[in-house]
């Protein structure tokens, strides 16, 4: 278990930013947003991500994705305030 975990971690370090978010993936994330404000947040905060799994995204990107699930602009504002964006 430890050996396989070490191999995975080393391979992630060695690849560097080879797995950065592509424009297609970024557009896919923004298209799931219910409001334009949330789509803008997702585009702004997730464009520089270099994780290949959504679970590895930064806290700011995860918050923007969470804001994208809000159905109206007021809810987006509340989520953004809670996250501190």
N, C-alpha and C. Protein backbone atom coordinates (compact mmCIF):
# COMPACT_ATOMS: atom_id res chain seq x y z
N UNK A 1 0.83 -1.19 0.00
CA UNK A 1 0.00 0.00 0.00
C UNK A 1 0.87 1.25 0.00
N UNK A 2 1.84 1.30 0.92
CA UNK A 2 2.71 2.47 1.00
C UNK A 2 3.55 2.63 -0.25
N UNK A 3 3.99 1.50 -0.81
CA UNK A 3 4.82 1.55 -1.99
C UNK A 3 4.04 2.09 -3.19
N UNK A 4 2.80 1.63 -3.34
CA UNK A 4 1.99 2.11 -4.47
C UNK A 4 1.63 3.58 -4.30
N UNK A 5 1.38 4.00 -3.07
CA UNK A 5 1.09 5.41 -2.81
C UNK A 5 2.30 6.27 -3.13
N UNK A 6 3.47 5.81 -2.76
CA UNK A 6 4.70 6.53 -3.05
C UNK A 6 4.92 6.65 -4.56
N UNK A 7 4.64 5.60 -5.29
CA UNK A 7 4.80 5.62 -6.75
C UNK A 7 3.84 6.63 -7.37
N UNK A 8 2.62 6.67 -6.89
CA UNK A 8 1.64 7.62 -7.42
C UNK A 8 2.06 9.05 -7.13
N UNK A 9 2.51 9.31 -5.93
CA UNK A 9 2.94 10.66 -5.56
C UNK A 9 4.15 11.09 -6.38
N UNK A 10 5.11 10.21 -6.53
CA UNK A 10 6.29 10.55 -7.33
C UNK A 10 5.94 10.78 -8.80
N UNK A 11 5.02 10.01 -9.32
CA UNK A 11 4.63 10.22 -10.72
C UNK A 11 3.89 11.54 -10.89
N UNK A 12 3.11 11.95 -9.90
CA UNK A 12 2.44 13.25 -9.97
C UNK A 12 3.44 14.39 -9.91
N UNK A 13 4.44 14.25 -9.09
CA UNK A 13 5.47 15.28 -8.99
C UNK A 13 6.28 15.35 -10.28
N UNK A 14 6.59 14.21 -10.85
CA UNK A 14 7.43 14.15 -12.04
C UNK A 14 6.71 14.72 -13.27
N UNK A 15 5.40 14.57 -13.33
CA UNK A 15 4.68 15.04 -14.51
C UNK A 15 4.52 16.55 -14.51
N UNK A 16 4.59 17.18 -13.36
CA UNK A 16 4.48 18.63 -13.30
C UNK A 16 3.13 19.11 -13.75
N UNK A 17 3.10 20.07 -14.65
CA UNK A 17 1.84 20.64 -15.12
C UNK A 17 1.37 20.00 -16.42
N UNK A 18 1.80 18.80 -16.68
CA UNK A 18 1.38 18.12 -17.91
C UNK A 18 -0.11 17.82 -17.89
N UNK A 19 -0.69 17.80 -16.71
CA UNK A 19 -2.11 17.50 -16.59
C UNK A 19 -2.93 18.74 -16.28
N UNK A 20 -2.48 19.91 -16.69
CA UNK A 20 -3.23 21.12 -16.38
C UNK A 20 -4.57 21.09 -17.10
N UNK A 21 -5.51 21.85 -16.57
CA UNK A 21 -6.85 21.87 -17.13
C UNK A 21 -6.82 22.38 -18.57
N UNK A 22 -7.42 21.62 -19.44
CA UNK A 22 -7.50 22.05 -20.83
C UNK A 22 -8.65 23.04 -20.97
N UNK A 23 -8.67 23.74 -22.06
CA UNK A 23 -9.75 24.69 -22.32
C UNK A 23 -11.09 23.97 -22.42
N UNK A 24 -11.09 22.77 -22.97
CA UNK A 24 -12.33 21.99 -23.08
C UNK A 24 -12.89 21.64 -21.71
N UNK A 25 -12.03 21.21 -20.80
CA UNK A 25 -12.48 20.86 -19.45
C UNK A 25 -12.98 22.10 -18.71
N UNK A 26 -12.30 23.21 -18.91
CA UNK A 26 -12.72 24.46 -18.28
C UNK A 26 -14.08 24.90 -18.80
N UNK A 27 -14.30 24.78 -20.08
CA UNK A 27 -15.60 25.13 -20.67
C UNK A 27 -16.67 24.17 -20.16
N UNK A 28 -16.32 22.90 -20.01
CA UNK A 28 -17.27 21.93 -19.47
C UNK A 28 -17.68 22.29 -18.04
N UNK A 29 -16.72 22.70 -17.23
CA UNK A 29 -17.03 23.11 -15.86
C UNK A 29 -17.92 24.36 -15.84
N UNK A 30 -17.61 25.34 -16.67
CA UNK A 30 -18.40 26.57 -16.67
C UNK A 30 -19.79 26.35 -17.25
N UNK A 31 -19.93 25.41 -18.16
CA UNK A 31 -21.25 25.17 -18.75
C UNK A 31 -22.23 24.55 -17.76
N UNK A 32 -21.72 23.96 -16.68
CA UNK A 32 -22.58 23.37 -15.66
C UNK A 32 -23.13 24.42 -14.70
N UNK A 33 -22.60 25.64 -14.74
CA UNK A 33 -23.03 26.70 -13.82
C UNK A 33 -24.41 27.20 -14.23
N UNK A 34 -25.22 27.52 -13.24
CA UNK A 34 -26.57 28.01 -13.50
C UNK A 34 -26.63 29.50 -13.77
N UNK A 35 -25.65 30.26 -13.30
CA UNK A 35 -25.65 31.71 -13.51
C UNK A 35 -24.35 32.14 -14.19
N UNK A 36 -24.42 33.29 -14.83
CA UNK A 36 -23.22 33.82 -15.51
C UNK A 36 -22.15 34.22 -14.49
N UNK A 37 -22.59 34.72 -13.35
CA UNK A 37 -21.63 35.12 -12.32
C UNK A 37 -20.82 33.92 -11.85
N UNK A 38 -21.50 32.80 -11.63
CA UNK A 38 -20.82 31.59 -11.19
C UNK A 38 -19.91 31.05 -12.29
N UNK A 39 -20.35 31.14 -13.53
CA UNK A 39 -19.51 30.69 -14.64
C UNK A 39 -18.23 31.51 -14.71
N UNK A 40 -18.35 32.81 -14.48
CA UNK A 40 -17.16 33.67 -14.46
C UNK A 40 -16.22 33.31 -13.33
N UNK A 41 -16.78 33.00 -12.17
CA UNK A 41 -15.96 32.58 -11.03
C UNK A 41 -15.21 31.29 -11.34
N UNK A 42 -15.91 30.34 -11.91
CA UNK A 42 -15.27 29.07 -12.25
C UNK A 42 -14.15 29.30 -13.25
N UNK A 43 -14.41 30.10 -14.25
CA UNK A 43 -13.37 30.36 -15.26
C UNK A 43 -12.17 31.07 -14.63
N UNK A 44 -12.42 32.04 -13.77
CA UNK A 44 -11.32 32.78 -13.15
C UNK A 44 -10.50 31.94 -12.19
N UNK A 45 -11.16 31.20 -11.32
CA UNK A 45 -10.46 30.48 -10.26
C UNK A 45 -9.96 29.09 -10.66
N UNK A 46 -10.50 28.52 -11.71
CA UNK A 46 -10.10 27.17 -12.09
C UNK A 46 -9.20 27.13 -13.32
N UNK A 47 -8.97 28.26 -13.96
CA UNK A 47 -8.19 28.25 -15.20
C UNK A 47 -6.73 27.86 -14.98
N UNK A 48 -6.17 28.12 -13.81
CA UNK A 48 -4.78 27.79 -13.56
C UNK A 48 -4.55 26.47 -12.86
N UNK A 49 -5.59 25.67 -12.71
CA UNK A 49 -5.47 24.40 -11.99
C UNK A 49 -4.59 23.42 -12.76
N UNK A 50 -3.77 22.70 -12.03
CA UNK A 50 -2.93 21.69 -12.67
C UNK A 50 -3.22 20.29 -12.12
N UNK A 51 -4.33 20.13 -11.44
CA UNK A 51 -4.74 18.82 -10.94
C UNK A 51 -5.52 18.09 -12.03
N UNK A 52 -5.41 16.78 -12.03
CA UNK A 52 -6.13 16.02 -13.05
C UNK A 52 -7.41 15.39 -12.51
N UNK A 53 -7.61 15.44 -11.22
CA UNK A 53 -8.85 14.97 -10.61
C UNK A 53 -9.52 16.13 -9.89
N UNK A 54 -10.83 16.17 -9.95
CA UNK A 54 -11.55 17.28 -9.33
C UNK A 54 -11.33 17.34 -7.82
N UNK A 55 -11.08 16.23 -7.22
CA UNK A 55 -10.84 16.19 -5.77
C UNK A 55 -9.53 16.89 -5.40
N UNK A 56 -8.62 17.04 -6.34
CA UNK A 56 -7.33 17.67 -6.09
C UNK A 56 -7.30 19.16 -6.43
N UNK A 57 -8.44 19.72 -6.86
CA UNK A 57 -8.49 21.14 -7.19
C UNK A 57 -8.26 21.97 -5.93
N UNK A 58 -7.86 23.20 -6.12
CA UNK A 58 -7.63 24.09 -4.99
C UNK A 58 -8.94 24.44 -4.30
N UNK A 59 -8.83 24.97 -3.10
CA UNK A 59 -10.00 25.35 -2.31
C UNK A 59 -10.82 26.40 -3.05
N UNK A 60 -10.15 27.35 -3.67
CA UNK A 60 -10.85 28.41 -4.41
C UNK A 60 -11.62 27.86 -5.61
N UNK A 61 -11.03 26.94 -6.32
CA UNK A 61 -11.70 26.35 -7.48
C UNK A 61 -12.90 25.52 -7.02
N UNK A 62 -12.74 24.75 -5.96
CA UNK A 62 -13.85 23.97 -5.44
C UNK A 62 -15.00 24.87 -5.00
N UNK A 63 -14.67 26.01 -4.41
CA UNK A 63 -15.69 26.95 -3.98
C UNK A 63 -16.42 27.53 -5.20
N UNK A 64 -15.69 27.85 -6.24
CA UNK A 64 -16.31 28.38 -7.45
C UNK A 64 -17.24 27.34 -8.08
N UNK A 65 -16.83 26.09 -8.07
CA UNK A 65 -17.68 25.02 -8.60
C UNK A 65 -18.94 24.88 -7.75
N UNK A 66 -18.78 25.00 -6.44
CA UNK A 66 -19.93 24.94 -5.54
C UNK A 66 -20.88 26.11 -5.81
N UNK A 67 -20.33 27.29 -6.07
CA UNK A 67 -21.15 28.45 -6.40
C UNK A 67 -21.88 28.23 -7.73
N UNK A 68 -21.28 27.48 -8.63
CA UNK A 68 -21.92 27.19 -9.90
C UNK A 68 -23.17 26.35 -9.77
N UNK A 69 -23.30 25.64 -8.66
CA UNK A 69 -24.48 24.81 -8.44
C UNK A 69 -25.65 25.61 -7.87
N UNK A 70 -25.41 26.85 -7.49
CA UNK A 70 -26.47 27.71 -6.96
C UNK A 70 -27.39 28.14 -8.09
N UNK A 71 -28.67 28.19 -7.81
CA UNK A 71 -29.67 28.48 -8.84
C UNK A 71 -29.87 29.96 -9.13
N UNK A 72 -29.44 30.85 -8.21
CA UNK A 72 -29.60 32.28 -8.46
C UNK A 72 -28.38 33.04 -7.96
N UNK A 73 -28.33 34.31 -8.36
CA UNK A 73 -27.16 35.13 -8.07
C UNK A 73 -26.98 35.40 -6.56
N UNK A 74 -28.08 35.52 -5.84
CA UNK A 74 -28.00 35.76 -4.40
C UNK A 74 -27.34 34.57 -3.69
N UNK A 75 -27.71 33.38 -4.10
CA UNK A 75 -27.10 32.18 -3.51
C UNK A 75 -25.62 32.09 -3.86
N UNK A 76 -25.27 32.50 -5.07
CA UNK A 76 -23.86 32.54 -5.47
C UNK A 76 -23.09 33.47 -4.55
N UNK A 77 -23.67 34.64 -4.27
CA UNK A 77 -23.03 35.61 -3.37
C UNK A 77 -22.83 35.05 -1.97
N UNK A 78 -23.82 34.33 -1.47
CA UNK A 78 -23.69 33.74 -0.14
C UNK A 78 -22.57 32.70 -0.09
N UNK A 79 -22.50 31.87 -1.11
CA UNK A 79 -21.46 30.83 -1.15
C UNK A 79 -20.08 31.48 -1.25
N UNK A 80 -19.97 32.49 -2.07
CA UNK A 80 -18.69 33.17 -2.25
C UNK A 80 -18.27 33.83 -0.94
N UNK A 81 -19.21 34.43 -0.23
CA UNK A 81 -18.90 35.05 1.06
C UNK A 81 -18.43 34.01 2.08
N UNK A 82 -19.09 32.85 2.09
CA UNK A 82 -18.70 31.80 3.02
C UNK A 82 -17.30 31.28 2.74
N UNK A 83 -16.95 31.21 1.48
CA UNK A 83 -15.62 30.70 1.11
C UNK A 83 -14.53 31.76 1.24
N UNK A 84 -14.91 33.01 1.24
CA UNK A 84 -13.93 34.07 1.34
C UNK A 84 -13.30 34.45 0.01
N UNK A 85 -14.00 34.24 -1.06
CA UNK A 85 -13.46 34.63 -2.38
C UNK A 85 -13.67 36.10 -2.65
